[in-house]
Amino acid sequence: MIETKQTRSISIANGPSFLSTPDNTLLADLEAQGIPIEYHCREGYCGACRCKLISGEVDYTVDPLAFIDDDEILPCCTVALTDVVLAI
């Protein structure tokens, strides 16, 4: 049986929504949608892309070194496990 990749709904609080798959990081998907977001290293070191995770679950593709609060994520190194809502 061929495994299919499920899409997840990514919503920006008071903004647009779009679909995402685990193939791309959330930062790559945000950029592809033309949604402006700060970033620098793209590897979880600097924390420039941090944003608030309002709801949903994500997984890190690498262990981030940047300090973030419990309700924040680094889109540069996360993929959505469920539908998510972000505040940028």
PDB file of N, CA and C in Angstrom:
ATOM      1  N   MET A   1       0.844  -1.185   0.000  1.00  0.00           N
ATOM      2  CA  MET A   1       0.000   0.000   0.000  1.00  0.00           C
ATOM      3  C   MET A   1       0.887   1.247   0.000  1.00  0.00           C
ATOM      4  N   ILE A   2       0.578   2.192  -0.833  1.00  0.00           N
ATOM      5  CA  ILE A   2       1.340   3.433  -0.919  1.00  0.00           C
ATOM      6  C   ILE A   2       0.855   4.395   0.152  1.00  0.00           C
ATOM      7  N   GLU A   3       1.809   4.928   0.920  1.00  0.00           N
ATOM      8  CA  GLU A   3       1.455   5.889   1.963  1.00  0.00           C
ATOM      9  C   GLU A   3       1.278   7.263   1.329  1.00  0.00           C
ATOM     10  N   THR A   4       0.163   7.909   1.641  1.00  0.00           N
ATOM     11  CA  THR A   4      -0.071   9.257   1.135  1.00  0.00           C
ATOM     12  C   THR A   4       0.210  10.256   2.237  1.00  0.00           C
ATOM     13  N   LYS A   5       0.714  11.404   1.850  1.00  0.00           N
ATOM     14  CA  LYS A   5       1.017  12.441   2.820  1.00  0.00           C
ATOM     15  C   LYS A   5      -0.220  13.301   3.006  1.00  0.00           C
ATOM     16  N   GLN A   6      -0.656  13.384   4.232  1.00  0.00           N
ATOM     17  CA  GLN A   6      -1.836  14.177   4.523  1.00  0.00           C
ATOM     18  C   GLN A   6      -1.481  15.651   4.560  1.00  0.00           C
ATOM     19  N   THR A   7      -2.400  16.440   4.065  1.00  0.00           N
ATOM     20  CA  THR A   7      -2.217  17.880   4.152  1.00  0.00           C
ATOM     21  C   THR A   7      -2.774  18.382   5.472  1.00  0.00           C
ATOM     22  N   ARG A   8      -2.178  19.464   5.932  1.00  0.00           N
ATOM     23  CA  ARG A   8      -2.638  20.119   7.153  1.00  0.00           C
ATOM     24  C   ARG A   8      -3.008  21.548   6.808  1.00  0.00           C
ATOM     25  N   SER A   9      -4.010  22.059   7.502  1.00  0.00           N
ATOM     26  CA  SER A   9      -4.404  23.442   7.325  1.00  0.00           C
ATOM     27  C   SER A   9      -3.544  24.317   8.234  1.00  0.00           C
ATOM     28  N   ILE A  10      -2.910  25.310   7.649  1.00  0.00           N
ATOM     29  CA  ILE A  10      -2.115  26.272   8.395  1.00  0.00           C
ATOM     30  C   ILE A  10      -2.855  27.600   8.324  1.00  0.00           C
ATOM     31  N   SER A  11      -3.227  28.131   9.476  1.00  0.00           N
ATOM     32  CA  SER A  11      -3.955  29.395   9.523  1.00  0.00           C
ATOM     33  C   SER A  11      -3.120  30.421  10.268  1.00  0.00           C
ATOM     34  N   ILE A  12      -3.142  31.630   9.754  1.00  0.00           N
ATOM     35  CA  ILE A  12      -2.508  32.752  10.419  1.00  0.00           C
ATOM     36  C   ILE A  12      -3.622  33.513  11.128  1.00  0.00           C
ATOM     37  N   ALA A  13      -3.468  33.739  12.431  1.00  0.00           N
ATOM     38  CA  ALA A  13      -4.497  34.458  13.183  1.00  0.00           C
ATOM     39  C   ALA A  13      -4.779  35.791  12.494  1.00  0.00           C
ATOM     40  N   ASN A  14      -6.045  36.049  12.238  1.00  0.00           N
ATOM     41  CA  ASN A  14      -6.461  37.273  11.544  1.00  0.00           C
ATOM     42  C   ASN A  14      -5.802  37.412  10.181  1.00  0.00           C
ATOM     43  N   GLY A  15      -5.585  36.281   9.528  1.00  0.00           N
ATOM     44  CA  GLY A  15      -4.936  36.303   8.217  1.00  0.00           C
ATOM     45  C   GLY A  15      -5.357  35.119   7.374  1.00  0.00           C
ATOM     46  N   PRO A  16      -4.548  34.815   6.369  1.00  0.00           N
ATOM     47  CA  PRO A  16      -4.895  33.739   5.432  1.00  0.00           C
ATOM     48  C   PRO A  16      -4.675  32.342   6.006  1.00  0.00           C
ATOM     49  N   SER A  17      -5.216  31.374   5.289  1.00  0.00           N
ATOM     50  CA  SER A  17      -5.007  29.954   5.576  1.00  0.00           C
ATOM     51  C   SER A  17      -4.506  29.293   4.304  1.00  0.00           C
ATOM     52  N   PHE A  18      -3.764  28.198   4.471  1.00  0.00           N
ATOM     53  CA  PHE A  18      -3.272  27.451   3.325  1.00  0.00           C
ATOM     54  C   PHE A  18      -3.018  26.023   3.763  1.00  0.00           C
ATOM     55  N   LEU A  19      -2.736  25.150   2.805  1.00  0.00           N
ATOM     56  CA  LEU A  19      -2.473  23.748   3.101  1.00  0.00           C
ATOM     57  C   LEU A  19      -0.978  23.484   3.088  1.00  0.00           C
ATOM     58  N   SER A  20      -0.558  22.549   3.937  1.00  0.00           N
ATOM     59  CA  SER A  20       0.851  22.197   4.069  1.00  0.00           C
ATOM     60  C   SER A  20       0.978  20.677   4.134  1.00  0.00           C
ATOM     61  N   THR A  21       2.129  20.175   3.689  1.00  0.00           N
ATOM     62  CA  THR A  21       2.456  18.762   3.857  1.00  0.00           C
ATOM     63  C   THR A  21       3.762  18.679   4.642  1.00  0.00           C
ATOM     64  N   PRO A  22       4.081  17.511   5.184  1.00  0.00           N
ATOM     65  CA  PRO A  22       5.330  17.367   5.938  1.00  0.00           C
ATOM     66  C   PRO A  22       6.602  17.471   5.090  1.00  0.00           C
ATOM     67  N   ASP A  23       6.464  17.705   3.788  1.00  0.00           N
ATOM     68  CA  ASP A  23       7.638  17.832   2.913  1.00  0.00           C
ATOM     69  C   ASP A  23       8.432  19.108   3.169  1.00  0.00           C
ATOM     70  N   ASN A  24       7.752  20.157   3.599  1.00  0.00           N
ATOM     71  CA  ASN A  24       8.391  21.458   3.776  1.00  0.00           C
ATOM     72  C   ASN A  24       8.278  21.926   5.218  1.00  0.00           C
ATOM     73  N   THR A  25       9.241  22.754   5.616  1.00  0.00           N
ATOM     74  CA  THR A  25       9.106  23.395   6.924  1.00  0.00           C
ATOM     75  C   THR A  25       8.000  24.443   6.829  1.00  0.00           C
ATOM     76  N   LEU A  26       7.509  24.845   7.984  1.00  0.00           N
ATOM     77  CA  LEU A  26       6.492  25.884   7.995  1.00  0.00           C
ATOM     78  C   LEU A  26       7.032  27.190   7.406  1.00  0.00           C
ATOM     79  N   LEU A  27       8.308  27.489   7.635  1.00  0.00           N
ATOM     80  CA  LEU A  27       8.889  28.701   7.054  1.00  0.00           C
ATOM     81  C   LEU A  27       8.843  28.650   5.530  1.00  0.00           C
ATOM     82  N   ALA A  28       9.225  27.527   4.950  1.00  0.00           N
ATOM     83  CA  ALA A  28       9.191  27.391   3.490  1.00  0.00           C
ATOM     84  C   ALA A  28       7.768  27.570   2.963  1.00  0.00           C
ATOM     85  N   ASP A  29       6.792  27.006   3.666  1.00  0.00           N
ATOM     86  CA  ASP A  29       5.401  27.154   3.241  1.00  0.00           C
ATOM     87  C   ASP A  29       4.919  28.592   3.390  1.00  0.00           C
ATOM     88  N   LEU A  30       5.282  29.254   4.471  1.00  0.00           N
ATOM     89  CA  LEU A  30       4.904  30.660   4.657  1.00  0.00           C
ATOM     90  C   LEU A  30       5.477  31.517   3.533  1.00  0.00           C
ATOM     91  N   GLU A  31       6.732  31.281   3.201  1.00  0.00           N
ATOM     92  CA  GLU A  31       7.365  32.025   2.109  1.00  0.00           C
ATOM     93  C   GLU A  31       6.675  31.747   0.773  1.00  0.00           C
ATOM     94  N   ALA A  32       6.348  30.492   0.521  1.00  0.00           N
ATOM     95  CA  ALA A  32       5.691  30.121  -0.732  1.00  0.00           C
ATOM     96  C   ALA A  32       4.327  30.801  -0.871  1.00  0.00           C
ATOM     97  N   GLN A  33       3.700  31.078   0.263  1.00  0.00           N
ATOM     98  CA  GLN A  33       2.395  31.756   0.253  1.00  0.00           C
ATOM     99  C   GLN A  33       2.534  33.276   0.221  1.00  0.00           C
ATOM    100  N   GLY A  34       3.769  33.773   0.261  1.00  0.00           N
ATOM    101  CA  GLY A  34       3.989  35.214   0.240  1.00  0.00           C
ATOM    102  C   GLY A  34       3.687  35.896   1.564  1.00  0.00           C
ATOM    103  N   ILE A  35       3.695  35.124   2.644  1.00  0.00           N
ATOM    104  CA  ILE A  35       3.415  35.677   3.974  1.00  0.00           C
ATOM    105  C   ILE A  35       4.732  36.159   4.575  1.00  0.00           C
ATOM    106  N   PRO A  36       4.833  37.449   4.857  1.00  0.00           N
ATOM    107  CA  PRO A  36       6.101  37.985   5.369  1.00  0.00           C
ATOM    108  C   PRO A  36       6.410  37.482   6.777  1.00  0.00           C
ATOM    109  N   ILE A  37       7.637  37.017   6.955  1.00  0.00           N
ATOM    110  CA  ILE A  37       8.093  36.542   8.262  1.00  0.00           C
ATOM    111  C   ILE A  37       9.607  36.774   8.344  1.00  0.00           C
ATOM    112  N   GLU A  38      10.051  37.207   9.495  1.00  0.00           N
ATOM    113  CA  GLU A  38      11.487  37.404   9.718  1.00  0.00           C
ATOM    114  C   GLU A  38      12.189  36.046   9.780  1.00  0.00           C
ATOM    115  N   TYR A  39      13.415  35.998   9.294  1.00  0.00           N
ATOM    116  CA  TYR A  39      14.237  34.789   9.430  1.00  0.00           C
ATOM    117  C   TYR A  39      15.691  35.154   9.150  1.00  0.00           C
ATOM    118  N   HIS A  40      16.591  34.295   9.571  1.00  0.00           N
ATOM    119  CA  HIS A  40      18.010  34.477   9.277  1.00  0.00           C
ATOM    120  C   HIS A  40      18.667  33.133   8.981  1.00  0.00           C
ATOM    121  N   CYS A  41      18.838  32.302  10.008  1.00  0.00           N
ATOM    122  CA  CYS A  41      19.676  31.109   9.862  1.00  0.00           C
ATOM    123  C   CYS A  41      18.992  29.932   9.178  1.00  0.00           C
ATOM    124  N   ARG A  42      17.681  29.808   9.317  1.00  0.00           N
ATOM    125  CA  ARG A  42      16.895  28.688   8.777  1.00  0.00           C
ATOM    126  C   ARG A  42      17.224  27.344   9.428  1.00  0.00           C
ATOM    127  N   GLU A  43      17.885  27.355  10.575  1.00  0.00           N
ATOM    128  CA  GLU A  43      18.271  26.099  11.219  1.00  0.00           C
ATOM    129  C   GLU A  43      17.996  26.056  12.713  1.00  0.00           C
ATOM    130  N   GLY A  44      17.231  27.007  13.232  1.00  0.00           N
ATOM    131  CA  GLY A  44      16.876  26.967  14.644  1.00  0.00           C
ATOM    132  C   GLY A  44      17.897  27.557  15.589  1.00  0.00           C
ATOM    133  N   TYR A  45      18.894  28.267  15.060  1.00  0.00           N
ATOM    134  CA  TYR A  45      19.932  28.843  15.914  1.00  0.00           C
ATOM    135  C   TYR A  45      19.594  30.243  16.407  1.00  0.00           C
ATOM    136  N   CYS A  46      19.077  31.080  15.517  1.00  0.00           N
ATOM    137  CA  CYS A  46      18.971  32.505  15.850  1.00  0.00           C
ATOM    138  C   CYS A  46      17.658  32.896  16.519  1.00  0.00           C
ATOM    139  N   GLY A  47      16.579  32.215  16.216  1.00  0.00           N
ATOM    140  CA  GLY A  47      15.289  32.547  16.804  1.00  0.00           C
ATOM    141  C   GLY A  47      14.559  33.689  16.121  1.00  0.00           C
ATOM    142  N   ALA A  48      15.090  34.196  15.010  1.00  0.00           N
ATOM    143  CA  ALA A  48      14.462  35.338  14.337  1.00  0.00           C
ATOM    144  C   ALA A  48      13.056  35.021  13.827  1.00  0.00           C
ATOM    145  N   CYS A  49      12.782  33.792  13.487  1.00  0.00           N
ATOM    146  CA  CYS A  49      11.488  33.437  12.904  1.00  0.00           C
ATOM    147  C   CYS A  49      10.438  33.037  13.941  1.00  0.00           C
ATOM    148  N   ARG A  50      10.788  33.102  15.217  1.00  0.00           N
ATOM    149  CA  ARG A  50       9.860  32.629  16.252  1.00  0.00           C
ATOM    150  C   ARG A  50       8.474  33.239  16.086  1.00  0.00           C
ATOM    151  N   CYS A  51       7.473  32.422  16.315  1.00  0.00           N
ATOM    152  CA  CYS A  51       6.095  32.891  16.297  1.00  0.00           C
ATOM    153  C   CYS A  51       5.300  32.074  17.312  1.00  0.00           C
ATOM    154  N   LYS A  52       4.123  32.551  17.610  1.00  0.00           N
ATOM    155  CA  LYS A  52       3.294  31.921  18.631  1.00  0.00           C
ATOM    156  C   LYS A  52       2.440  30.821  18.005  1.00  0.00           C
ATOM    157  N   LEU A  53       2.460  29.650  18.626  1.00  0.00           N
ATOM    158  CA  LEU A  53       1.600  28.543  18.220  1.00  0.00           C
ATOM    159  C   LEU A  53       0.317  28.650  19.032  1.00  0.00           C
ATOM    160  N   ILE A  54      -0.757  29.059  18.397  1.00  0.00           N
ATOM    161  CA  ILE A  54      -2.035  29.237  19.093  1.00  0.00           C
ATOM    162  C   ILE A  54      -2.722  27.898  19.303  1.00  0.00           C
ATOM    163  N   SER A  55      -2.692  27.058  18.274  1.00  0.00           N
ATOM    164  CA  SER A  55      -3.267  25.714  18.426  1.00  0.00           C
ATOM    165  C   SER A  55      -2.606  24.779  17.431  1.00  0.00           C
ATOM    166  N   GLY A  56      -2.690  23.490  17.735  1.00  0.00           N
ATOM    167  CA  GLY A  56      -2.122  22.468  16.876  1.00  0.00           C
ATOM    168  C   GLY A  56      -0.806  21.935  17.416  1.00  0.00           C
ATOM    169  N   GLU A  57      -0.239  20.988  16.679  1.00  0.00           N
ATOM    170  CA  GLU A  57       1.016  20.354  17.069  1.00  0.00           C
ATOM    171  C   GLU A  57       2.006  20.394  15.918  1.00  0.00           C
ATOM    172  N   VAL A  58       3.263  20.621  16.271  1.00  0.00           N
ATOM    173  CA  VAL A  58       4.350  20.619  15.285  1.00  0.00           C
ATOM    174  C   VAL A  58       5.455  19.692  15.772  1.00  0.00           C
ATOM    175  N   ASP A  59       6.347  19.348  14.859  1.00  0.00           N
ATOM    176  CA  ASP A  59       7.517  18.550  15.200  1.00  0.00           C
ATOM    177  C   ASP A  59       8.734  19.253  14.637  1.00  0.00           C
ATOM    178  N   TYR A  60       9.818  19.205  15.376  1.00  0.00           N
ATOM    179  CA  TYR A  60      11.059  19.829  14.931  1.00  0.00           C
ATOM    180  C   TYR A  60      11.855  18.874  14.060  1.00  0.00           C
ATOM    181  N   THR A  61      12.371  19.385  12.953  1.00  0.00           N
ATOM    182  CA  THR A  61      13.201  18.579  12.057  1.00  0.00           C
ATOM    183  C   THR A  61      14.631  18.488  12.581  1.00  0.00           C
ATOM    184  N   VAL A  62      15.032  19.458  13.394  1.00  0.00           N
ATOM    185  CA  VAL A  62      16.326  19.470  14.094  1.00  0.00           C
ATOM    186  C   VAL A  62      16.080  20.017  15.485  1.00  0.00           C
ATOM    187  N   ASP A  63      16.982  19.741  16.413  1.00  0.00           N
ATOM    188  CA  ASP A  63      16.850  20.309  17.752  1.00  0.00           C
ATOM    189  C   ASP A  63      17.266  21.774  17.712  1.00  0.00           C
ATOM    190  N   PRO A  64      16.331  22.689  17.995  1.00  0.00           N
ATOM    191  CA  PRO A  64      16.672  24.110  17.929  1.00  0.00           C
ATOM    192  C   PRO A  64      17.546  24.530  19.109  1.00  0.00           C
ATOM    193  N   LEU A  65      18.415  25.497  18.864  1.00  0.00           N
ATOM    194  CA  LEU A  65      19.265  26.041  19.915  1.00  0.00           C
ATOM    195  C   LEU A  65      18.755  27.378  20.428  1.00  0.00           C
ATOM    196  N   ALA A  66      17.889  28.042  19.662  1.00  0.00           N
ATOM    197  CA  ALA A  66      17.357  29.344  20.070  1.00  0.00           C
ATOM    198  C   ALA A  66      16.428  29.172  21.270  1.00  0.00           C
ATOM    199  N   PHE A  67      16.441  30.147  22.139  1.00  0.00           N
ATOM    200  CA  PHE A  67      15.540  30.147  23.282  1.00  0.00           C
ATOM    201  C   PHE A  67      14.168  30.623  22.838  1.00  0.00           C
ATOM    202  N   ILE A  68      13.145  29.840  23.169  1.00  0.00           N
ATOM    203  CA  ILE A  68      11.776  30.222  22.851  1.00  0.00           C
ATOM    204  C   ILE A  68      10.899  29.916  24.052  1.00  0.00           C
ATOM    205  N   ASP A  69       9.776  30.624  24.145  1.00  0.00           N
ATOM    206  CA  ASP A  69       8.802  30.362  25.207  1.00  0.00           C
ATOM    207  C   ASP A  69       8.025  29.093  24.894  1.00  0.00           C
ATOM    208  N   ASP A  70       7.318  28.570  25.887  1.00  0.00           N
ATOM    209  CA  ASP A  70       6.568  27.324  25.723  1.00  0.00           C
ATOM    210  C   ASP A  70       5.508  27.401  24.629  1.00  0.00           C
ATOM    211  N   ASP A  71       4.978  28.591  24.394  1.00  0.00           N
ATOM    212  CA  ASP A  71       3.921  28.734  23.389  1.00  0.00           C
ATOM    213  C   ASP A  71       4.454  29.218  22.041  1.00  0.00           C
ATOM    214  N   GLU A  72       5.770  29.200  21.855  1.00  0.00           N
ATOM    215  CA  GLU A  72       6.378  29.642  20.610  1.00  0.00           C
ATOM    216  C   GLU A  72       7.008  28.469  19.855  1.00  0.00           C
ATOM    217  N   ILE A  73       7.127  28.646  18.548  1.00  0.00           N
ATOM    218  CA  ILE A  73       7.814  27.668  17.703  1.00  0.00           C
ATOM    219  C   ILE A  73       8.768  28.404  16.775  1.00  0.00           C
ATOM    220  N   LEU A  74       9.639  27.652  16.140  1.00  0.00           N
ATOM    221  CA  LEU A  74      10.543  28.177  15.120  1.00  0.00           C
ATOM    222  C   LEU A  74      10.140  27.553  13.781  1.00  0.00           C
ATOM    223  N   PRO A  75       9.417  28.287  12.950  1.00  0.00           N
ATOM    224  CA  PRO A  75       8.938  27.731  11.678  1.00  0.00           C
ATOM    225  C   PRO A  75      10.048  27.235  10.751  1.00  0.00           C
ATOM    226  N   CYS A  76      11.275  27.738  10.943  1.00  0.00           N
ATOM    227  CA  CYS A  76      12.367  27.331  10.055  1.00  0.00           C
ATOM    228  C   CYS A  76      12.717  25.861  10.197  1.00  0.00           C
ATOM    229  N   CYS A  77      12.372  25.275  11.318  1.00  0.00           N
ATOM    230  CA  CYS A  77      12.746  23.869  11.532  1.00  0.00           C
ATOM    231  C   CYS A  77      11.591  23.060  12.116  1.00  0.00           C
ATOM    232  N   THR A  78      10.353  23.422  11.742  1.00  0.00           N
ATOM    233  CA  THR A  78       9.193  22.656  12.184  1.00  0.00           C
ATOM    234  C   THR A  78       8.322  22.271  10.997  1.00  0.00           C
ATOM    235  N   VAL A  79       7.633  21.159  11.176  1.00  0.00           N
ATOM    236  CA  VAL A  79       6.593  20.728  10.246  1.00  0.00           C
ATOM    237  C   VAL A  79       5.323  20.529  11.057  1.00  0.00           C
ATOM    238  N   ALA A  80       4.192  20.721  10.419  1.00  0.00           N
ATOM    239  CA  ALA A  80       2.905  20.580  11.104  1.00  0.00           C
ATOM    240  C   ALA A  80       2.519  19.106  11.211  1.00  0.00           C
ATOM    241  N   LEU A  81       2.174  18.677  12.425  1.00  0.00           N
ATOM    242  CA  LEU A  81       1.649  17.326  12.633  1.00  0.00           C
ATOM    243  C   LEU A  81       0.130  17.304  12.537  1.00  0.00           C
ATOM    244  N   THR A  82      -0.482  18.444  12.848  1.00  0.00           N
ATOM    245  CA  THR A  82      -1.936  18.608  12.798  1.00  0.00           C
ATOM    246  C   THR A  82      -2.216  19.964  12.150  1.00  0.00           C
ATOM    247  N   ASP A  83      -3.488  20.287  12.010  1.00  0.00           N
ATOM    248  CA  ASP A  83      -3.840  21.643  11.600  1.00  0.00           C
ATOM    249  C   ASP A  83      -3.314  22.588  12.674  1.00  0.00           C
ATOM    250  N   VAL A  84      -2.771  23.727  12.265  1.00  0.00           N
ATOM    251  CA  VAL A  84      -2.224  24.675  13.237  1.00  0.00           C
ATOM    252  C   VAL A  84      -2.714  26.092  12.964  1.00  0.00           C
ATOM    253  N   VAL A  85      -2.704  26.886  14.029  1.00  0.00           N
ATOM    254  CA  VAL A  85      -2.973  28.317  13.940  1.00  0.00           C
ATOM    255  C   VAL A  85      -1.763  29.023  14.532  1.00  0.00           C
ATOM    256  N   LEU A  86      -1.203  29.974  13.773  1.00  0.00           N
ATOM    257  CA  LEU A  86      -0.016  30.708  14.183  1.00  0.00           C
ATOM    258  C   LEU A  86      -0.327  32.193  14.305  1.00  0.00           C
ATOM    259  N   ALA A  87       0.346  32.850  15.227  1.00  0.00           N
ATOM    260  CA  ALA A  87       0.332  34.311  15.303  1.00  0.00           C
ATOM    261  C   ALA A  87       1.735  34.774  14.937  1.00  0.00           C
ATOM    262  N   ILE A  88       1.818  35.551  13.870  1.00  0.00           N
ATOM    263  CA  ILE A  88       3.125  36.021  13.398  1.00  0.00           C
ATOM    264  C   ILE A  88       3.279  37.487  13.760  1.00  0.00           C
TER     265      ILE A  88
END
